Amino acid sequence: MPTLTIQVTEKDIEDGQCRDTWTCPVCLALFRSTGFKFVVEQTTCYALVNRNAPIPLPPEAIKFIRAFDASGHGKPFEFQLEMP
């Protein structure tokens, strides 16, 4: 499986919405990196073009999402995502 490096930028964080599975910073970074719209849930994500193929998120992305949803703040980071 191909592995992508996803960079969540300061702009993703500024533009992202807390507790929104469509517009959180991780979603924005995934779209920017792949050109596909994603839905991000607590521990998985999936591209809208293939809703039947959830992709597990790595621990650092899960930690960021939980902290961002709780506070609305976060720092840029990157993570590796194994694509199906």
C-alpha atoms as a PDB file:
ATOM      1  CA  MET A   1       0.000   0.000   0.000  1.00  0.00           C
ATOM      2  CA  PRO A   2       1.257   3.502  -0.743  1.00  0.00           C
ATOM      3  CA  THR A   3       2.050   5.719   2.206  1.00  0.00           C
ATOM      4  CA  LEU A   4       1.433   9.457   2.075  1.00  0.00           C
ATOM      5  CA  THR A   5       2.987  12.110   4.279  1.00  0.00           C
ATOM      6  CA  ILE A   6       0.235  14.509   5.297  1.00  0.00           C
ATOM      7  CA  GLN A   7       1.241  17.926   6.621  1.00  0.00           C
ATOM      8  CA  VAL A   8      -1.285  19.780   8.760  1.00  0.00           C
ATOM      9  CA  THR A   9      -0.308  23.435   8.369  1.00  0.00           C
ATOM     10  CA  GLU A  10      -1.018  26.552  10.393  1.00  0.00           C
ATOM     11  CA  LYS A  11      -3.519  27.553   7.687  1.00  0.00           C
ATOM     12  CA  ASP A  12      -5.320  24.193   8.032  1.00  0.00           C
ATOM     13  CA  ILE A  13      -5.577  24.831  11.757  1.00  0.00           C
ATOM     14  CA  GLU A  14      -6.788  28.428  11.298  1.00  0.00           C
ATOM     15  CA  ASP A  15      -9.384  27.386   8.698  1.00  0.00           C
ATOM     16  CA  GLY A  16     -10.444  24.151  10.441  1.00  0.00           C
ATOM     17  CA  GLN A  17     -13.561  23.718  12.539  1.00  0.00           C
ATOM     18  CA  CYS A  18     -13.742  21.937  15.892  1.00  0.00           C
ATOM     19  CA  ARG A  19     -15.816  18.765  16.072  1.00  0.00           C
ATOM     20  CA  ASP A  20     -16.604  18.887  12.349  1.00  0.00           C
ATOM     21  CA  THR A  21     -15.899  15.660  10.469  1.00  0.00           C
ATOM     22  CA  TRP A  22     -15.878  17.514   7.119  1.00  0.00           C
ATOM     23  CA  THR A  23     -13.745  20.591   7.848  1.00  0.00           C
ATOM     24  CA  CYS A  24     -11.349  19.755  10.653  1.00  0.00           C
ATOM     25  CA  PRO A  25      -7.678  20.633  10.010  1.00  0.00           C
ATOM     26  CA  VAL A  26      -6.870  16.998   9.206  1.00  0.00           C
ATOM     27  CA  CYS A  27      -9.643  16.933   6.556  1.00  0.00           C
ATOM     28  CA  LEU A  28      -8.303  20.114   5.011  1.00  0.00           C
ATOM     29  CA  ALA A  29      -4.769  18.708   4.928  1.00  0.00           C
ATOM     30  CA  LEU A  30      -5.971  15.449   3.379  1.00  0.00           C
ATOM     31  CA  PHE A  31      -7.832  17.330   0.648  1.00  0.00           C
ATOM     32  CA  ARG A  32      -4.838  19.540  -0.074  1.00  0.00           C
ATOM     33  CA  SER A  33      -2.541  16.505  -0.271  1.00  0.00           C
ATOM     34  CA  THR A  34      -4.761  14.188  -2.310  1.00  0.00           C
ATOM     35  CA  GLY A  35      -7.370  16.285  -4.113  1.00  0.00           C
ATOM     36  CA  PHE A  36     -10.110  14.136  -2.553  1.00  0.00           C
ATOM     37  CA  LYS A  37     -12.640  15.223   0.061  1.00  0.00           C
ATOM     38  CA  PHE A  38     -12.327  13.182   3.270  1.00  0.00           C
ATOM     39  CA  VAL A  39     -14.461  12.614   6.318  1.00  0.00           C
ATOM     40  CA  VAL A  40     -12.468  12.274   9.526  1.00  0.00           C
ATOM     41  CA  GLU A  41     -13.955  10.424  12.462  1.00  0.00           C
ATOM     42  CA  GLN A  42     -12.377   9.728  15.847  1.00  0.00           C
ATOM     43  CA  THR A  43      -9.861   7.121  14.735  1.00  0.00           C
ATOM     44  CA  THR A  44     -10.448   6.675  10.995  1.00  0.00           C
ATOM     45  CA  CYS A  45     -10.975   8.635   7.816  1.00  0.00           C
ATOM     46  CA  TYR A  46     -12.371   7.838   4.412  1.00  0.00           C
ATOM     47  CA  ALA A  47     -12.448   9.516   1.027  1.00  0.00           C
ATOM     48  CA  LEU A  48     -15.923  10.398  -0.174  1.00  0.00           C
ATOM     49  CA  VAL A  49     -15.183   8.525  -3.393  1.00  0.00           C
ATOM     50  CA  ASN A  50     -14.905   5.289  -1.363  1.00  0.00           C
ATOM     51  CA  ARG A  51     -16.964   5.373   1.825  1.00  0.00           C
ATOM     52  CA  ASN A  52     -16.579   1.616   2.247  1.00  0.00           C
ATOM     53  CA  ALA A  53     -12.833   1.816   2.814  1.00  0.00           C
ATOM     54  CA  PRO A  54     -12.105   3.417   6.194  1.00  0.00           C
ATOM     55  CA  ILE A  55      -8.429   4.179   6.749  1.00  0.00           C
ATOM     56  CA  PRO A  56      -7.038   3.983  10.296  1.00  0.00           C
ATOM     57  CA  LEU A  57      -5.489   7.226  11.504  1.00  0.00           C
ATOM     58  CA  PRO A  58      -2.105   7.065  13.248  1.00  0.00           C
ATOM     59  CA  PRO A  59      -1.861   7.925  16.965  1.00  0.00           C
ATOM     60  CA  GLU A  60      -0.448  11.433  16.390  1.00  0.00           C
ATOM     61  CA  ALA A  61      -3.427  12.395  14.195  1.00  0.00           C
ATOM     62  CA  ILE A  62      -5.901  10.990  16.728  1.00  0.00           C
ATOM     63  CA  LYS A  63      -4.185  12.906  19.530  1.00  0.00           C
ATOM     64  CA  PHE A  64      -4.260  16.139  17.499  1.00  0.00           C
ATOM     65  CA  ILE A  65      -7.961  15.749  16.620  1.00  0.00           C
ATOM     66  CA  ARG A  66      -8.937  15.147  20.253  1.00  0.00           C
ATOM     67  CA  ALA A  67      -6.917  18.134  21.486  1.00  0.00           C
ATOM     68  CA  PHE A  68      -8.168  20.410  18.701  1.00  0.00           C
ATOM     69  CA  ASP A  69     -11.784  19.420  19.291  1.00  0.00           C
ATOM     70  CA  ALA A  70     -11.385  20.177  23.004  1.00  0.00           C
ATOM     71  CA  SER A  71      -9.579  23.504  22.666  1.00  0.00           C
ATOM     72  CA  GLY A  72      -9.739  24.807  19.099  1.00  0.00           C
ATOM     73  CA  HIS A  73      -5.954  25.075  19.118  1.00  0.00           C
ATOM     74  CA  GLY A  74      -3.090  23.005  17.789  1.00  0.00           C
ATOM     75  CA  LYS A  75       0.352  23.165  16.270  1.00  0.00           C
ATOM     76  CA  PRO A  76       1.329  22.123  12.744  1.00  0.00           C
ATOM     77  CA  PHE A  77       2.451  18.523  12.430  1.00  0.00           C
ATOM     78  CA  GLU A  78       2.754  15.742   9.895  1.00  0.00           C
ATOM     79  CA  PHE A  79       1.775  12.111   9.846  1.00  0.00           C
ATOM     80  CA  GLN A  80       2.014   9.077   7.614  1.00  0.00           C
ATOM     81  CA  LEU A  81      -1.181   7.616   6.207  1.00  0.00           C
ATOM     82  CA  GLU A  82      -1.317   4.198   4.544  1.00  0.00           C
ATOM     83  CA  MET A  83      -3.679   4.439   1.597  1.00  0.00           C
ATOM     84  CA  PRO A  84      -5.641   1.381   0.450  1.00  0.00           C
END
